[in-house]
Amino acid sequence: MLWQKSVKKVKFYGREIRGVRRHYARLRRRLQERGITQVVKRIGSKERRVVNTILHQISKRIVSLSLASNSYIVLGDLTGIRRRIRINSKGKRL
C-alpha cells in the first residue's frame, strides 16, 4: 500500500498477498507430490483465511485514511477484468 501526501492517493500493490499465495502454492505442490490430499484441503482453507485477513486489514486502513483526510474512495470499473489482464501460465494464477 502506498500513500502519497502531495497527490493524496492510496495505492495497493498486493505484494504481500502474492507472497502468501506463492507460499501456499509451493506447499500444496509438495504435499500433492507426496499424495497427502487431506492436508491439501486444509491448506487451501487456511490460505483463504490469511488472504481475507490481509484484505480486511488493508480495507480498514484505506477507510481510516479516507475518514482522516476527509476524502472519497473511488473504485474503477471491473467489468471484463478477467479478459483484460494477463494471466500467468503456471497454474493459471493471477
C-alpha atoms as a PDB file:
ATOM      1  CA  MET A   1       0.000   0.000   0.000  1.00  0.00           C
ATOM      2  CA  LEU A   2       1.301   3.426  -0.914  1.00  0.00           C
ATOM      3  CA  TRP A   3       0.130   6.769   0.448  1.00  0.00           C
ATOM      4  CA  GLN A   4       1.231   9.909  -1.403  1.00  0.00           C
ATOM      5  CA  LYS A   5       0.625  13.035   0.654  1.00  0.00           C
ATOM      6  CA  SER A   6       1.044  15.502  -2.189  1.00  0.00           C
ATOM      7  CA  VAL A   7      -1.428  13.779  -4.503  1.00  0.00           C
ATOM      8  CA  LYS A   8      -3.430  12.128  -1.701  1.00  0.00           C
ATOM      9  CA  LYS A   9      -3.727   8.757  -3.416  1.00  0.00           C
ATOM     10  CA  VAL A  10      -3.632   5.360  -1.794  1.00  0.00           C
ATOM     11  CA  LYS A  11      -2.421   2.503  -3.978  1.00  0.00           C
ATOM     12  CA  PHE A  12      -2.390  -1.146  -3.065  1.00  0.00           C
ATOM     13  CA  TYR A  13       0.025  -3.348  -4.987  1.00  0.00           C
ATOM     14  CA  GLY A  14      -0.785  -6.742  -3.451  1.00  0.00           C
ATOM     15  CA  ARG A  15       2.803  -7.855  -2.902  1.00  0.00           C
ATOM     16  CA  GLU A  16       2.002  -9.431   0.461  1.00  0.00           C
ATOM     17  CA  ILE A  17      -0.953 -11.401  -0.932  1.00  0.00           C
ATOM     18  CA  ARG A  18       1.084 -12.640  -3.892  1.00  0.00           C
ATOM     19  CA  GLY A  19       3.716 -13.858  -1.424  1.00  0.00           C
ATOM     20  CA  VAL A  20       1.118 -15.738   0.629  1.00  0.00           C
ATOM     21  CA  ARG A  21      -0.391 -17.325  -2.484  1.00  0.00           C
ATOM     22  CA  ARG A  22       3.061 -18.292  -3.775  1.00  0.00           C
ATOM     23  CA  HIS A  23       3.956 -19.879  -0.413  1.00  0.00           C
ATOM     24  CA  TYR A  24       0.785 -21.965  -0.282  1.00  0.00           C
ATOM     25  CA  ALA A  25       1.099 -22.964  -3.955  1.00  0.00           C
ATOM     26  CA  ARG A  26       4.581 -24.360  -3.271  1.00  0.00           C
ATOM     27  CA  LEU A  27       3.352 -26.102  -0.131  1.00  0.00           C
ATOM     28  CA  ARG A  28       0.357 -27.564  -1.981  1.00  0.00           C
ATOM     29  CA  ARG A  29       2.617 -28.814  -4.791  1.00  0.00           C
ATOM     30  CA  ARG A  30       4.948 -30.573  -2.321  1.00  0.00           C
ATOM     31  CA  LEU A  31       2.042 -32.192  -0.482  1.00  0.00           C
ATOM     32  CA  GLN A  32       0.398 -33.368  -3.700  1.00  0.00           C
ATOM     33  CA  GLU A  33       3.659 -34.946  -4.847  1.00  0.00           C
ATOM     34  CA  ARG A  34       3.639 -36.964  -1.624  1.00  0.00           C
ATOM     35  CA  GLY A  35      -0.046 -37.841  -2.063  1.00  0.00           C
ATOM     36  CA  ILE A  36      -1.345 -36.169   1.094  1.00  0.00           C
ATOM     37  CA  THR A  37      -4.674 -34.856  -0.216  1.00  0.00           C
ATOM     38  CA  GLN A  38      -6.441 -34.322   3.122  1.00  0.00           C
ATOM     39  CA  VAL A  39      -3.838 -31.781   4.226  1.00  0.00           C
ATOM     40  CA  VAL A  40      -4.079 -30.034   0.840  1.00  0.00           C
ATOM     41  CA  LYS A  41      -7.748 -29.200   1.542  1.00  0.00           C
ATOM     42  CA  ARG A  42      -6.879 -27.737   4.950  1.00  0.00           C
ATOM     43  CA  ILE A  43      -4.054 -25.703   3.419  1.00  0.00           C
ATOM     44  CA  GLY A  44      -6.490 -24.218   0.881  1.00  0.00           C
ATOM     45  CA  SER A  45      -8.876 -23.048   3.574  1.00  0.00           C
ATOM     46  CA  LYS A  46      -6.018 -21.606   5.642  1.00  0.00           C
ATOM     47  CA  GLU A  47      -4.723 -19.711   2.587  1.00  0.00           C
ATOM     48  CA  ARG A  48      -8.192 -18.265   2.028  1.00  0.00           C
ATOM     49  CA  ARG A  49      -8.435 -17.122   5.659  1.00  0.00           C
ATOM     50  CA  VAL A  50      -4.986 -15.499   5.608  1.00  0.00           C
ATOM     51  CA  VAL A  51      -5.726 -13.633   2.360  1.00  0.00           C
ATOM     52  CA  ASN A  52      -9.121 -12.475   3.646  1.00  0.00           C
ATOM     53  CA  THR A  53      -7.482 -11.181   6.835  1.00  0.00           C
ATOM     54  CA  ILE A  54      -4.893  -9.226   4.848  1.00  0.00           C
ATOM     55  CA  LEU A  55      -7.568  -7.757   2.563  1.00  0.00           C
ATOM     56  CA  HIS A  56      -9.673  -6.775   5.581  1.00  0.00           C
ATOM     57  CA  GLN A  57      -6.727  -5.012   7.233  1.00  0.00           C
ATOM     58  CA  ILE A  58      -5.935  -3.121   4.026  1.00  0.00           C
ATOM     59  CA  SER A  59      -9.534  -2.025   3.520  1.00  0.00           C
ATOM     60  CA  LYS A  60      -9.696  -0.833   7.148  1.00  0.00           C
ATOM     61  CA  ARG A  61      -6.542   1.236   6.603  1.00  0.00           C
ATOM     62  CA  ILE A  62      -7.904   2.745   3.399  1.00  0.00           C
ATOM     63  CA  VAL A  63     -11.192   3.696   5.075  1.00  0.00           C
ATOM     64  CA  SER A  64      -9.468   5.200   8.121  1.00  0.00           C
ATOM     65  CA  LEU A  65      -7.128   7.249   5.901  1.00  0.00           C
ATOM     66  CA  SER A  66     -10.118   8.414   3.906  1.00  0.00           C
ATOM     67  CA  LEU A  67     -12.008   9.475   7.024  1.00  0.00           C
ATOM     68  CA  ALA A  68      -8.965  11.214   8.485  1.00  0.00           C
ATOM     69  CA  SER A  69      -8.288  13.229   5.346  1.00  0.00           C
ATOM     70  CA  ASN A  70     -11.952  13.915   4.522  1.00  0.00           C
ATOM     71  CA  SER A  71     -11.652  12.282   1.101  1.00  0.00           C
ATOM     72  CA  TYR A  72     -13.640   9.837  -1.029  1.00  0.00           C
ATOM     73  CA  ILE A  73     -12.934   6.261  -2.008  1.00  0.00           C
ATOM     74  CA  VAL A  74     -13.151   5.724  -5.765  1.00  0.00           C
ATOM     75  CA  LEU A  75     -13.263   2.275  -7.353  1.00  0.00           C
ATOM     76  CA  GLY A  76     -12.630   1.582 -11.016  1.00  0.00           C
ATOM     77  CA  ASP A  77     -14.840  -0.303 -13.439  1.00  0.00           C
ATOM     78  CA  LEU A  78     -14.064  -4.004 -13.033  1.00  0.00           C
ATOM     79  CA  THR A  79     -16.308  -5.199 -15.856  1.00  0.00           C
ATOM     80  CA  GLY A  80     -14.384  -7.667 -18.016  1.00  0.00           C
ATOM     81  CA  ILE A  81     -11.284  -7.559 -15.813  1.00  0.00           C
ATOM     82  CA  ARG A  82     -10.594 -11.252 -16.374  1.00  0.00           C
ATOM     83  CA  ARG A  83     -10.385 -10.712 -20.125  1.00  0.00           C
ATOM     84  CA  ARG A  84      -8.176  -7.613 -19.887  1.00  0.00           C
ATOM     85  CA  ILE A  85      -5.402  -8.873 -17.621  1.00  0.00           C
ATOM     86  CA  ARG A  86      -2.542 -11.196 -18.450  1.00  0.00           C
ATOM     87  CA  ILE A  87      -2.706 -14.498 -16.600  1.00  0.00           C
ATOM     88  CA  ASN A  88       0.404 -16.357 -15.526  1.00  0.00           C
ATOM     89  CA  SER A  89       0.780 -19.670 -17.334  1.00  0.00           C
ATOM     90  CA  LYS A  90       1.817 -21.507 -14.130  1.00  0.00           C
ATOM     91  CA  GLY A  91      -1.467 -22.936 -12.957  1.00  0.00           C
ATOM     92  CA  LYS A  92      -3.454 -20.054 -14.461  1.00  0.00           C
ATOM     93  CA  ARG A  93      -2.979 -17.945 -11.345  1.00  0.00           C
ATOM     94  CA  LEU A  94      -3.333 -14.177 -11.417  1.00  0.00           C
END
